[in-house]
Amino acid sequence: MHGHLRDPAVQALLGRYACPVPFHEVRTRFLGSIATPVLGASRMKIVGDLWGGELPEIASLEAANELVGVLVIGLWNRLTRHQERSAPFRLVRLKVAATVDGRAALALTRRQEIDGFIEGLFGGKEAVDLPERAHYGVGVLGEMRALMAGIVHMAPDTTKTPTEKDIEVTLRQIGELTKIAEHEIHEVVLSCARARRQMLAALPARKPILH
C-alpha cells in the first residue's frame, strides 16, 4: 500500500487534535528530523513540538496509542525510506484554480513545506554542521523559500489585474520550482544519511582486554 493512501488517516488525526502545523508541513518537518545530524531529540518530543511543545490532551491510552501509531509508526517510518536514492521524495500535489488566491495558496504550501524541512533539519538550533552537499541544498531551499514568500505576498497591482494566462505562467513556474525543491530536499536527506553512515563506520574503538 502506498504511503499517500494512508495520509488521510494522518490528516484526520491532526484535524481531530487541532494540530497548528498543517499536514504538508508535518511531513517535511519529520523528514528533516529524520535527516538531521542533531542527536538526541526523541520522536515523541518532535511530535509534541507540533502542538507547541507538548502533546494535546488525550482522553485514553487507546487514543494515545493511535496517535503514536499513526504519526510515529506510520508517517515517520514511511518517510525514512527517502534515505535511499531509489525512493525520491515528493511534495504534496495540489490542484488550485488559476486565480490570485490559488497561486497564493500553492506558494504558501511550498513555503511551509520548505520551512518544515529546515525546522526539522536544524532541530531547534541556529547552526548545524552539515555535509557539503546538504549545505548546498539548504542554500538553494533558502532562495526558493524567498521566491515562494514573494509570490504569497505579491502585491496586487491595482493598475493591472493579472490575467488567467499570467497566473498560469506563475503556476507553471511554481511547478518547475517544486521539482527542484523536491530534488534538493532528497539530496540533503541522502547527504546526511551518507555522512551518518560514515560517522558510524568511524566510531572510536577501544582495544579489548585480552584475558
N, C-alpha and C. Protein backbone atom coordinates (compact mmCIF):
# COMPACT_ATOMS: atom_id res chain seq x y z
N MET A 1 0.85 -1.20 0.00
CA MET A 1 0.00 0.00 0.00
C MET A 1 0.88 1.24 0.00
N HIS A 2 0.65 2.14 -0.90
CA HIS A 2 1.49 3.33 -0.99
C HIS A 2 1.20 4.27 0.17
N GLY A 3 2.27 4.98 0.60
CA GLY A 3 2.16 5.87 1.75
C GLY A 3 1.06 6.91 1.61
N HIS A 4 0.92 7.47 0.41
CA HIS A 4 -0.04 8.57 0.26
C HIS A 4 -1.48 8.11 0.49
N LEU A 5 -1.73 6.80 0.34
CA LEU A 5 -3.08 6.30 0.58
C LEU A 5 -3.41 6.29 2.08
N ARG A 6 -2.36 6.29 2.89
CA ARG A 6 -2.58 6.30 4.34
C ARG A 6 -2.61 7.72 4.88
N ASP A 7 -2.24 8.68 4.05
CA ASP A 7 -2.18 10.06 4.52
C ASP A 7 -3.50 10.60 5.06
N PRO A 8 -4.67 10.22 4.49
CA PRO A 8 -5.92 10.73 5.06
C PRO A 8 -6.08 10.41 6.55
N ALA A 9 -5.56 9.26 6.99
CA ALA A 9 -5.63 8.91 8.42
C ALA A 9 -4.81 9.90 9.25
N VAL A 10 -3.66 10.28 8.72
CA VAL A 10 -2.80 11.25 9.42
C VAL A 10 -3.51 12.61 9.45
N GLN A 11 -4.04 13.02 8.30
CA GLN A 11 -4.73 14.32 8.22
C GLN A 11 -5.92 14.37 9.17
N ALA A 12 -6.68 13.27 9.24
CA ALA A 12 -7.85 13.22 10.12
C ALA A 12 -7.43 13.36 11.58
N LEU A 13 -6.33 12.70 11.93
CA LEU A 13 -5.84 12.74 13.31
C LEU A 13 -5.36 14.15 13.68
N LEU A 14 -4.60 14.76 12.77
CA LEU A 14 -4.11 16.13 13.02
C LEU A 14 -5.29 17.08 13.18
N GLY A 15 -6.33 16.86 12.37
CA GLY A 15 -7.53 17.70 12.46
C GLY A 15 -8.26 17.51 13.77
N ARG A 16 -8.37 16.24 14.20
CA ARG A 16 -9.10 15.94 15.43
C ARG A 16 -8.44 16.60 16.64
N TYR A 17 -7.12 16.64 16.64
CA TYR A 17 -6.41 17.24 17.78
C TYR A 17 -5.98 18.69 17.49
N ALA A 18 -6.61 19.29 16.49
CA ALA A 18 -6.36 20.71 16.15
C ALA A 18 -4.87 21.04 16.11
N CYS A 19 -4.12 20.24 15.34
CA CYS A 19 -2.68 20.48 15.23
C CYS A 19 -2.45 21.81 14.50
N PRO A 20 -1.67 22.73 15.11
CA PRO A 20 -1.45 24.03 14.45
C PRO A 20 -0.56 23.95 13.21
N VAL A 21 0.14 22.83 13.04
CA VAL A 21 1.02 22.69 11.87
C VAL A 21 0.26 21.90 10.80
N PRO A 22 0.14 22.44 9.58
CA PRO A 22 -0.61 21.71 8.54
C PRO A 22 0.11 20.42 8.12
N PHE A 23 -0.67 19.46 7.64
CA PHE A 23 -0.16 18.13 7.29
C PHE A 23 1.06 18.20 6.36
N HIS A 24 0.99 19.03 5.31
CA HIS A 24 2.10 19.06 4.34
C HIS A 24 3.41 19.50 5.02
N GLU A 25 3.28 20.34 6.05
CA GLU A 25 4.48 20.80 6.77
C GLU A 25 4.94 19.76 7.80
N VAL A 26 4.00 19.00 8.37
CA VAL A 26 4.36 17.92 9.30
C VAL A 26 5.24 16.90 8.56
N ARG A 27 4.86 16.55 7.33
CA ARG A 27 5.63 15.59 6.53
C ARG A 27 7.08 16.02 6.37
N THR A 28 7.26 17.28 5.95
CA THR A 28 8.64 17.72 5.67
C THR A 28 9.40 17.95 6.98
N ARG A 29 8.69 18.34 8.04
CA ARG A 29 9.38 18.53 9.32
C ARG A 29 9.90 17.18 9.83
N PHE A 30 9.07 16.16 9.71
CA PHE A 30 9.51 14.81 10.11
C PHE A 30 10.71 14.39 9.25
N LEU A 31 10.63 14.65 7.95
CA LEU A 31 11.72 14.24 7.05
C LEU A 31 13.02 14.95 7.45
N GLY A 32 12.93 16.24 7.76
CA GLY A 32 14.11 16.99 8.23
C GLY A 32 14.65 16.41 9.53
N SER A 33 13.75 16.00 10.42
CA SER A 33 14.15 15.41 11.71
C SER A 33 14.81 14.05 11.52
N ILE A 34 14.37 13.32 10.49
CA ILE A 34 14.98 12.01 10.18
C ILE A 34 16.41 12.24 9.67
N ALA A 35 16.60 13.30 8.89
CA ALA A 35 17.90 13.56 8.27
C ALA A 35 18.88 14.27 9.21
N THR A 36 18.38 14.98 10.20
CA THR A 36 19.24 15.89 10.97
C THR A 36 20.47 15.22 11.60
N PRO A 37 21.60 15.94 11.56
CA PRO A 37 22.77 15.43 12.29
C PRO A 37 22.67 15.75 13.80
N VAL A 38 21.66 16.55 14.20
CA VAL A 38 21.49 16.89 15.62
C VAL A 38 20.98 15.64 16.34
N LEU A 39 21.74 15.19 17.31
CA LEU A 39 21.36 13.96 18.01
C LEU A 39 20.55 14.28 19.25
N GLY A 40 19.77 13.31 19.67
CA GLY A 40 19.17 13.42 20.99
C GLY A 40 17.69 13.73 21.07
N ALA A 41 17.12 14.31 20.02
CA ALA A 41 15.68 14.62 20.14
C ALA A 41 14.88 13.34 19.93
N SER A 42 14.01 13.03 20.89
CA SER A 42 13.19 11.83 20.73
C SER A 42 12.06 12.11 19.75
N ARG A 43 11.57 11.04 19.15
CA ARG A 43 10.47 11.21 18.20
C ARG A 43 9.23 11.77 18.91
N MET A 44 9.03 11.37 20.16
CA MET A 44 7.86 11.88 20.89
C MET A 44 7.97 13.38 21.13
N LYS A 45 9.20 13.86 21.38
CA LYS A 45 9.37 15.31 21.57
C LYS A 45 9.07 16.04 20.26
N ILE A 46 9.53 15.47 19.16
CA ILE A 46 9.31 16.09 17.85
C ILE A 46 7.80 16.14 17.56
N VAL A 47 7.09 15.07 17.92
CA VAL A 47 5.62 15.05 17.74
C VAL A 47 4.99 16.09 18.66
N GLY A 48 5.43 16.16 19.91
CA GLY A 48 4.89 17.15 20.86
C GLY A 48 5.11 18.58 20.38
N ASP A 49 6.26 18.81 19.73
CA ASP A 49 6.58 20.16 19.23
C ASP A 49 5.58 20.63 18.17
N LEU A 50 4.89 19.68 17.51
CA LEU A 50 3.87 20.10 16.53
C LEU A 50 2.75 20.88 17.23
N TRP A 51 2.53 20.55 18.51
CA TRP A 51 1.50 21.25 19.29
C TRP A 51 2.13 22.31 20.20
N GLY A 52 3.32 22.76 19.83
CA GLY A 52 3.95 23.83 20.59
C GLY A 52 4.72 23.35 21.80
N GLY A 53 4.99 22.06 21.90
CA GLY A 53 5.85 21.61 23.00
C GLY A 53 5.33 20.42 23.78
N GLU A 54 4.01 20.25 23.82
CA GLU A 54 3.53 19.04 24.49
C GLU A 54 2.35 18.47 23.74
N LEU A 55 2.17 17.18 23.90
CA LEU A 55 1.10 16.51 23.18
C LEU A 55 -0.26 17.06 23.60
N PRO A 56 -1.24 17.03 22.70
CA PRO A 56 -2.58 17.50 23.08
C PRO A 56 -3.17 16.60 24.15
N GLU A 57 -4.20 17.08 24.82
CA GLU A 57 -4.85 16.24 25.84
C GLU A 57 -5.49 15.04 25.15
N ILE A 58 -5.14 13.88 25.64
CA ILE A 58 -5.63 12.66 25.01
C ILE A 58 -6.48 11.91 26.02
N ALA A 59 -7.66 11.54 25.59
CA ALA A 59 -8.68 11.00 26.51
C ALA A 59 -8.32 9.65 27.10
N SER A 60 -7.66 8.80 26.34
CA SER A 60 -7.44 7.44 26.83
C SER A 60 -6.12 6.90 26.30
N LEU A 61 -5.70 5.82 26.91
CA LEU A 61 -4.47 5.15 26.47
C LEU A 61 -4.63 4.68 25.02
N GLU A 62 -5.82 4.23 24.70
CA GLU A 62 -6.11 3.75 23.34
C GLU A 62 -5.91 4.88 22.32
N ALA A 63 -6.41 6.08 22.69
CA ALA A 63 -6.26 7.24 21.79
C ALA A 63 -4.79 7.63 21.68
N ALA A 64 -4.06 7.55 22.79
CA ALA A 64 -2.63 7.88 22.77
C ALA A 64 -1.88 6.89 21.86
N ASN A 65 -2.24 5.62 21.97
CA ASN A 65 -1.61 4.61 21.12
C ASN A 65 -1.90 4.85 19.65
N GLU A 66 -3.12 5.33 19.38
CA GLU A 66 -3.50 5.62 17.99
C GLU A 66 -2.66 6.78 17.45
N LEU A 67 -2.48 7.81 18.29
CA LEU A 67 -1.69 8.98 17.88
C LEU A 67 -0.26 8.55 17.55
N VAL A 68 0.33 7.77 18.44
CA VAL A 68 1.70 7.29 18.22
C VAL A 68 1.74 6.36 17.00
N GLY A 69 0.73 5.52 16.88
CA GLY A 69 0.69 4.57 15.77
C GLY A 69 0.62 5.26 14.43
N VAL A 70 -0.27 6.25 14.32
CA VAL A 70 -0.47 6.91 13.02
C VAL A 70 0.70 7.84 12.68
N LEU A 71 1.17 8.61 13.69
CA LEU A 71 2.21 9.61 13.40
C LEU A 71 3.62 9.02 13.40
N VAL A 72 3.94 8.22 14.41
CA VAL A 72 5.32 7.75 14.55
C VAL A 72 5.55 6.45 13.81
N ILE A 73 4.72 5.43 14.13
CA ILE A 73 4.93 4.14 13.48
C ILE A 73 4.51 4.23 12.02
N GLY A 74 3.53 5.06 11.74
CA GLY A 74 3.03 5.20 10.38
C GLY A 74 3.83 6.21 9.55
N LEU A 75 3.49 7.48 9.70
CA LEU A 75 4.06 8.53 8.85
C LEU A 75 5.58 8.59 8.95
N TRP A 76 6.11 8.66 10.16
CA TRP A 76 7.57 8.78 10.35
C TRP A 76 8.29 7.62 9.66
N ASN A 77 7.84 6.40 9.94
CA ASN A 77 8.53 5.24 9.37
C ASN A 77 8.43 5.19 7.85
N ARG A 78 7.30 5.66 7.31
CA ARG A 78 7.17 5.69 5.84
C ARG A 78 8.17 6.67 5.24
N LEU A 79 8.41 7.76 5.95
CA LEU A 79 9.32 8.78 5.42
C LEU A 79 10.79 8.35 5.47
N THR A 80 11.12 7.42 6.37
CA THR A 80 12.53 7.02 6.48
C THR A 80 13.05 6.39 5.19
N ARG A 81 12.15 5.85 4.35
CA ARG A 81 12.63 5.20 3.12
C ARG A 81 13.25 6.20 2.15
N HIS A 82 12.98 7.50 2.35
CA HIS A 82 13.57 8.51 1.45
C HIS A 82 15.06 8.70 1.70
N GLN A 83 15.62 7.93 2.65
CA GLN A 83 17.07 7.96 2.86
C GLN A 83 17.77 7.09 1.81
N GLU A 84 16.97 6.48 0.94
CA GLU A 84 17.51 5.68 -0.17
C GLU A 84 17.37 6.47 -1.47
N ARG A 85 18.37 6.38 -2.31
CA ARG A 85 18.32 7.10 -3.60
C ARG A 85 17.15 6.62 -4.44
N SER A 86 16.77 5.36 -4.29
CA SER A 86 15.71 4.79 -5.14
C SER A 86 14.30 5.23 -4.71
N ALA A 87 14.20 6.02 -3.62
CA ALA A 87 12.87 6.45 -3.15
C ALA A 87 12.80 7.98 -3.13
N PRO A 88 12.62 8.61 -4.32
CA PRO A 88 12.57 10.07 -4.37
C PRO A 88 11.43 10.63 -3.52
N PHE A 89 11.64 11.82 -3.00
CA PHE A 89 10.63 12.46 -2.15
C PHE A 89 9.76 13.39 -3.00
N ARG A 90 8.46 13.39 -2.72
CA ARG A 90 7.54 14.28 -3.43
C ARG A 90 6.84 15.22 -2.47
N LEU A 91 6.75 16.45 -2.85
CA LEU A 91 5.94 17.40 -2.07
C LEU A 91 4.47 17.12 -2.38
N VAL A 92 3.59 17.67 -1.55
CA VAL A 92 2.15 17.42 -1.72
C VAL A 92 1.68 18.05 -3.04
N ARG A 93 0.90 17.30 -3.80
CA ARG A 93 0.36 17.83 -5.06
C ARG A 93 -0.99 18.48 -4.80
N LEU A 94 -1.15 19.71 -5.24
CA LEU A 94 -2.41 20.43 -5.04
C LEU A 94 -2.98 20.83 -6.38
N LYS A 95 -4.28 20.75 -6.50
CA LYS A 95 -4.95 21.31 -7.68
C LYS A 95 -5.50 22.66 -7.25
N VAL A 96 -5.00 23.73 -7.85
CA VAL A 96 -5.51 25.06 -7.49
C VAL A 96 -6.05 25.75 -8.74
N ALA A 97 -7.00 26.63 -8.52
CA ALA A 97 -7.57 27.39 -9.64
C ALA A 97 -6.56 28.44 -10.09
N ALA A 98 -6.61 28.80 -11.38
CA ALA A 98 -5.71 29.83 -11.91
C ALA A 98 -6.24 31.21 -11.52
N THR A 99 -6.20 31.47 -10.21
CA THR A 99 -6.64 32.76 -9.66
C THR A 99 -5.54 33.27 -8.75
N VAL A 100 -5.64 34.54 -8.36
CA VAL A 100 -4.65 35.13 -7.45
C VAL A 100 -4.61 34.31 -6.15
N ASP A 101 -5.80 33.94 -5.65
CA ASP A 101 -5.86 33.17 -4.39
C ASP A 101 -5.26 31.77 -4.56
N GLY A 102 -5.54 31.15 -5.71
CA GLY A 102 -5.00 29.81 -5.98
C GLY A 102 -3.48 29.84 -6.01
N ARG A 103 -2.96 30.83 -6.70
CA ARG A 103 -1.50 30.99 -6.80
C ARG A 103 -0.88 31.18 -5.42
N ALA A 104 -1.51 32.04 -4.60
CA ALA A 104 -1.00 32.32 -3.25
C ALA A 104 -1.06 31.06 -2.39
N ALA A 105 -2.14 30.29 -2.52
CA ALA A 105 -2.30 29.07 -1.71
C ALA A 105 -1.21 28.05 -2.03
N LEU A 106 -0.90 27.90 -3.32
CA LEU A 106 0.12 26.94 -3.73
C LEU A 106 1.50 27.39 -3.25
N ALA A 107 1.80 28.68 -3.43
CA ALA A 107 3.10 29.21 -3.00
C ALA A 107 3.25 29.11 -1.48
N LEU A 108 2.16 29.36 -0.75
CA LEU A 108 2.20 29.26 0.72
C LEU A 108 2.49 27.82 1.15
N THR A 109 1.84 26.86 0.49
CA THR A 109 2.07 25.45 0.81
C THR A 109 3.54 25.10 0.61
N ARG A 110 4.12 25.52 -0.52
CA ARG A 110 5.54 25.23 -0.79
C ARG A 110 6.44 25.91 0.24
N ARG A 111 6.11 27.15 0.60
CA ARG A 111 6.92 27.86 1.59
C ARG A 111 6.88 27.12 2.93
N GLN A 112 5.68 26.66 3.33
CA GLN A 112 5.55 25.94 4.60
C GLN A 112 6.28 24.61 4.56
N GLU A 113 6.24 23.93 3.41
CA GLU A 113 6.95 22.65 3.29
C GLU A 113 8.46 22.86 3.46
N ILE A 114 8.98 23.90 2.82
CA ILE A 114 10.42 24.18 2.96
C ILE A 114 10.73 24.57 4.41
N ASP A 115 9.89 25.41 5.00
CA ASP A 115 10.09 25.80 6.41
C ASP A 115 10.12 24.58 7.31
N GLY A 116 9.18 23.65 7.08
CA GLY A 116 9.09 22.45 7.91
C GLY A 116 10.37 21.63 7.81
N PHE A 117 10.86 21.45 6.59
CA PHE A 117 12.06 20.64 6.38
C PHE A 117 13.27 21.27 7.09
N ILE A 118 13.42 22.59 6.91
CA ILE A 118 14.56 23.29 7.54
C ILE A 118 14.45 23.22 9.06
N GLU A 119 13.23 23.41 9.56
CA GLU A 119 12.98 23.34 11.01
C GLU A 119 13.40 21.97 11.56
N GLY A 120 12.98 20.91 10.87
CA GLY A 120 13.33 19.56 11.31
C GLY A 120 14.83 19.31 11.21
N LEU A 121 15.43 19.77 10.13
CA LEU A 121 16.85 19.54 9.88
C LEU A 121 17.73 20.23 10.93
N PHE A 122 17.32 21.43 11.33
CA PHE A 122 18.12 22.20 12.28
C PHE A 122 17.79 21.85 13.74
N GLY A 123 16.70 21.08 13.94
CA GLY A 123 16.39 20.57 15.27
C GLY A 123 16.37 21.62 16.36
N GLY A 124 15.84 22.81 16.02
CA GLY A 124 15.73 23.86 17.04
C GLY A 124 17.02 24.65 17.24
N LYS A 125 18.09 24.31 16.51
CA LYS A 125 19.36 25.04 16.66
C LYS A 125 19.49 26.10 15.56
N GLU A 126 20.30 27.11 15.85
CA GLU A 126 20.52 28.19 14.86
C GLU A 126 21.52 27.75 13.80
N ALA A 127 22.46 26.91 14.20
CA ALA A 127 23.51 26.47 13.26
C ALA A 127 23.77 24.98 13.46
N VAL A 128 24.01 24.30 12.36
CA VAL A 128 24.25 22.86 12.39
C VAL A 128 25.38 22.56 11.41
N ASP A 129 26.26 21.63 11.78
CA ASP A 129 27.31 21.21 10.85
C ASP A 129 26.70 20.23 9.86
N LEU A 130 26.69 20.61 8.59
CA LEU A 130 26.11 19.76 7.56
C LEU A 130 27.19 19.32 6.59
N PRO A 131 27.04 18.12 6.01
CA PRO A 131 27.96 17.75 4.93
C PRO A 131 27.79 18.71 3.75
N GLU A 132 28.81 18.76 2.91
CA GLU A 132 28.86 19.79 1.86
C GLU A 132 27.63 19.80 0.95
N ARG A 133 27.19 18.62 0.48
CA ARG A 133 26.05 18.59 -0.44
C ARG A 133 24.78 19.08 0.25
N ALA A 134 24.63 18.72 1.52
CA ALA A 134 23.44 19.16 2.27
C ALA A 134 23.49 20.67 2.48
N HIS A 135 24.67 21.18 2.74
CA HIS A 135 24.87 22.62 2.95
C HIS A 135 24.43 23.39 1.70
N TYR A 136 24.86 22.88 0.54
CA TYR A 136 24.48 23.49 -0.73
C TYR A 136 22.96 23.45 -0.90
N GLY A 137 22.36 22.29 -0.63
CA GLY A 137 20.91 22.12 -0.79
C GLY A 137 20.11 23.08 0.07
N VAL A 138 20.57 23.29 1.30
CA VAL A 138 19.89 24.22 2.22
C VAL A 138 19.94 25.64 1.65
N GLY A 139 21.06 25.98 1.01
CA GLY A 139 21.18 27.31 0.38
C GLY A 139 20.16 27.49 -0.74
N VAL A 140 20.03 26.46 -1.58
CA VAL A 140 19.06 26.51 -2.69
C VAL A 140 17.64 26.63 -2.12
N LEU A 141 17.34 25.82 -1.09
CA LEU A 141 15.99 25.84 -0.49
C LEU A 141 15.69 27.20 0.15
N GLY A 142 16.71 27.84 0.70
CA GLY A 142 16.53 29.18 1.28
C GLY A 142 16.12 30.20 0.22
N GLU A 143 16.78 30.11 -0.95
CA GLU A 143 16.43 31.02 -2.06
C GLU A 143 15.01 30.74 -2.55
N MET A 144 14.68 29.45 -2.60
CA MET A 144 13.36 29.06 -3.07
C MET A 144 12.26 29.51 -2.12
N ARG A 145 12.58 29.44 -0.83
CA ARG A 145 11.61 29.89 0.18
C ARG A 145 11.31 31.37 -0.02
N ALA A 146 12.37 32.15 -0.29
CA ALA A 146 12.19 33.60 -0.50
C ALA A 146 11.31 33.85 -1.74
N LEU A 147 11.52 33.07 -2.79
CA LEU A 147 10.70 33.21 -4.01
C LEU A 147 9.23 32.91 -3.70
N MET A 148 9.00 31.82 -2.97
CA MET A 148 7.62 31.43 -2.63
C MET A 148 6.96 32.49 -1.74
N ALA A 149 7.72 32.98 -0.78
CA ALA A 149 7.17 34.03 0.11
C ALA A 149 6.83 35.27 -0.72
N GLY A 150 7.67 35.56 -1.72
CA GLY A 150 7.41 36.71 -2.60
C GLY A 150 6.12 36.54 -3.39
N ILE A 151 5.87 35.31 -3.85
CA ILE A 151 4.63 35.05 -4.61
C ILE A 151 3.41 35.16 -3.69
N VAL A 152 3.55 34.65 -2.46
CA VAL A 152 2.44 34.73 -1.49
C VAL A 152 2.05 36.20 -1.29
N HIS A 153 3.07 37.05 -1.16
CA HIS A 153 2.81 38.47 -0.84
C HIS A 153 2.80 39.36 -2.07
N MET A 154 2.69 38.75 -3.25
CA MET A 154 2.68 39.55 -4.48
C MET A 154 1.60 40.62 -4.37
N ALA A 155 2.04 41.85 -4.29
CA ALA A 155 1.07 42.93 -4.11
C ALA A 155 0.19 43.02 -5.34
N PRO A 156 -1.12 43.03 -5.14
CA PRO A 156 -1.97 43.19 -6.32
C PRO A 156 -1.72 44.57 -6.94
N ASP A 157 -1.31 44.55 -8.19
CA ASP A 157 -1.06 45.82 -8.90
C ASP A 157 -2.42 46.37 -9.32
N THR A 158 -2.80 47.45 -8.69
CA THR A 158 -4.15 47.98 -8.93
C THR A 158 -4.33 48.48 -10.36
N THR A 159 -3.21 48.81 -11.02
CA THR A 159 -3.34 49.32 -12.39
C THR A 159 -3.56 48.18 -13.38
N LYS A 160 -3.17 46.96 -12.99
CA LYS A 160 -3.24 45.86 -13.95
C LYS A 160 -3.61 44.56 -13.23
N THR A 161 -4.81 44.11 -13.47
CA THR A 161 -5.22 42.83 -12.88
C THR A 161 -4.54 41.71 -13.65
N PRO A 162 -3.90 40.75 -12.94
CA PRO A 162 -3.25 39.68 -13.68
C PRO A 162 -4.29 38.83 -14.41
N THR A 163 -3.99 38.49 -15.64
CA THR A 163 -4.92 37.66 -16.39
C THR A 163 -4.74 36.20 -15.96
N GLU A 164 -5.69 35.38 -16.36
CA GLU A 164 -5.60 33.95 -16.05
C GLU A 164 -4.31 33.39 -16.66
N LYS A 165 -3.94 33.92 -17.83
CA LYS A 165 -2.72 33.46 -18.51
C LYS A 165 -1.48 33.81 -17.68
N ASP A 166 -1.45 35.04 -17.14
CA ASP A 166 -0.32 35.45 -16.27
C ASP A 166 -0.18 34.48 -15.10
N ILE A 167 -1.33 34.19 -14.50
CA ILE A 167 -1.33 33.33 -13.31
C ILE A 167 -0.90 31.91 -13.68
N GLU A 168 -1.37 31.44 -14.83
CA GLU A 168 -0.97 30.10 -15.29
C GLU A 168 0.54 30.00 -15.49
N VAL A 169 1.13 31.08 -15.99
CA VAL A 169 2.59 31.12 -16.17
C VAL A 169 3.28 30.96 -14.81
N THR A 170 2.79 31.72 -13.81
CA THR A 170 3.39 31.62 -12.46
C THR A 170 3.18 30.22 -11.88
N LEU A 171 1.99 29.65 -12.08
CA LEU A 171 1.73 28.30 -11.56
C LEU A 171 2.68 27.28 -12.19
N ARG A 172 2.97 27.46 -13.49
CA ARG A 172 3.92 26.57 -14.16
C ARG A 172 5.32 26.75 -13.56
N GLN A 173 5.67 28.01 -13.28
CA GLN A 173 6.99 28.28 -12.67
C GLN A 173 7.08 27.62 -11.28
N ILE A 174 5.98 27.73 -10.51
CA ILE A 174 5.97 27.08 -9.18
C ILE A 174 6.13 25.57 -9.37
N GLY A 175 5.51 25.02 -10.42
CA GLY A 175 5.64 23.60 -10.71
C GLY A 175 7.09 23.21 -10.98
N GLU A 176 7.80 24.04 -11.74
CA GLU A 176 9.23 23.77 -12.02
C GLU A 176 10.05 23.88 -10.74
N LEU A 177 9.76 24.92 -9.95
CA LEU A 177 10.49 25.11 -8.69
C LEU A 177 10.20 23.96 -7.72
N THR A 178 8.98 23.42 -7.78
CA THR A 178 8.62 22.29 -6.92
C THR A 178 9.54 21.11 -7.18
N LYS A 179 9.80 20.84 -8.47
CA LYS A 179 10.68 19.71 -8.82
C LYS A 179 12.09 19.93 -8.29
N ILE A 180 12.56 21.17 -8.39
CA ILE A 180 13.91 21.49 -7.88
C ILE A 180 13.94 21.34 -6.36
N ALA A 181 12.89 21.83 -5.70
CA ALA A 181 12.83 21.74 -4.23
C ALA A 181 12.82 20.28 -3.78
N GLU A 182 12.03 19.45 -4.47
CA GLU A 182 11.98 18.02 -4.13
C GLU A 182 13.35 17.38 -4.29
N HIS A 183 14.01 17.72 -5.39
CA HIS A 183 15.33 17.15 -5.66
C HIS A 183 16.32 17.57 -4.57
N GLU A 184 16.31 18.86 -4.22
CA GLU A 184 17.26 19.36 -3.22
C GLU A 184 16.97 18.77 -1.83
N ILE A 185 15.69 18.67 -1.48
CA ILE A 185 15.33 18.07 -0.17
C ILE A 185 15.87 16.64 -0.13
N HIS A 186 15.65 15.89 -1.22
CA HIS A 186 16.10 14.50 -1.25
C HIS A 186 17.62 14.41 -1.18
N GLU A 187 18.31 15.31 -1.89
CA GLU A 187 19.79 15.30 -1.87
C GLU A 187 20.31 15.62 -0.46
N VAL A 188 19.65 16.53 0.24
CA VAL A 188 20.05 16.86 1.62
C VAL A 188 19.89 15.61 2.50
N VAL A 189 18.75 14.94 2.36
CA VAL A 189 18.49 13.73 3.16
C VAL A 189 19.54 12.66 2.86
N LEU A 190 19.83 12.44 1.56
CA LEU A 190 20.81 11.42 1.17
C LEU A 190 22.20 11.78 1.68
N SER A 191 22.55 13.05 1.58
CA SER A 191 23.87 13.52 2.02
C SER A 191 24.04 13.32 3.52
N CYS A 192 23.00 13.64 4.30
CA CYS A 192 23.08 13.48 5.76
C CYS A 192 23.12 12.00 6.14
N ALA A 193 22.34 11.18 5.41
CA ALA A 193 22.32 9.73 5.70
C ALA A 193 23.70 9.12 5.43
N ARG A 194 24.31 9.58 4.32
CA ARG A 194 25.65 9.07 3.95
C ARG A 194 26.66 9.48 5.02
N ALA A 195 26.59 10.73 5.45
CA ALA A 195 27.53 11.23 6.46
C ALA A 195 27.35 10.46 7.77
N ARG A 196 26.08 10.16 8.11
CA ARG A 196 25.82 9.43 9.36
C ARG A 196 26.41 8.02 9.28
N ARG A 197 26.24 7.39 8.10
CA ARG A 197 26.80 6.03 7.94
C ARG A 197 28.32 6.05 8.08
N GLN A 198 28.95 7.08 7.49
CA GLN A 198 30.42 7.18 7.56
C GLN A 198 30.87 7.44 8.99
N MET A 199 30.07 8.28 9.69
CA MET A 199 30.40 8.61 11.08
C MET A 199 30.30 7.35 11.94
N LEU A 200 29.22 6.59 11.71
CA LEU A 200 29.03 5.36 12.47
C LEU A 200 30.13 4.35 12.13
N ALA A 201 30.56 4.39 10.87
CA ALA A 201 31.60 3.45 10.44
C ALA A 201 32.94 3.82 11.07
N ALA A 202 33.07 5.06 11.55
CA ALA A 202 34.36 5.52 12.09
C ALA A 202 34.28 5.78 13.60
N LEU A 203 33.50 4.98 14.31
CA LEU A 203 33.41 5.16 15.75
C LEU A 203 34.73 4.74 16.40
N PRO A 204 35.18 5.51 17.41
CA PRO A 204 36.43 5.12 18.08
C PRO A 204 36.24 3.77 18.78
N ALA A 205 37.23 2.94 18.67
CA ALA A 205 37.15 1.62 19.31
C ALA A 205 38.25 1.50 20.35
N ARG A 206 37.94 0.78 21.39
CA ARG A 206 38.94 0.52 22.42
C ARG A 206 39.42 -0.91 22.25
N LYS A 207 40.71 -1.08 22.38
CA LYS A 207 41.24 -2.43 22.23
C LYS A 207 40.72 -3.29 23.39
N PRO A 208 40.14 -4.42 23.06
CA PRO A 208 39.64 -5.27 24.15
C PRO A 208 40.77 -5.81 25.01
N ILE A 209 40.46 -5.98 26.28
CA ILE A 209 41.47 -6.56 27.17
C ILE A 209 41.47 -8.06 26.93
N LEU A 210 42.62 -8.56 26.63
CA LEU A 210 42.72 -10.00 26.35
C LEU A 210 43.06 -10.72 27.63
N HIS A 211 42.13 -11.56 28.07
CA HIS A 211 42.38 -12.29 29.32
C HIS A 211 43.19 -13.52 29.05
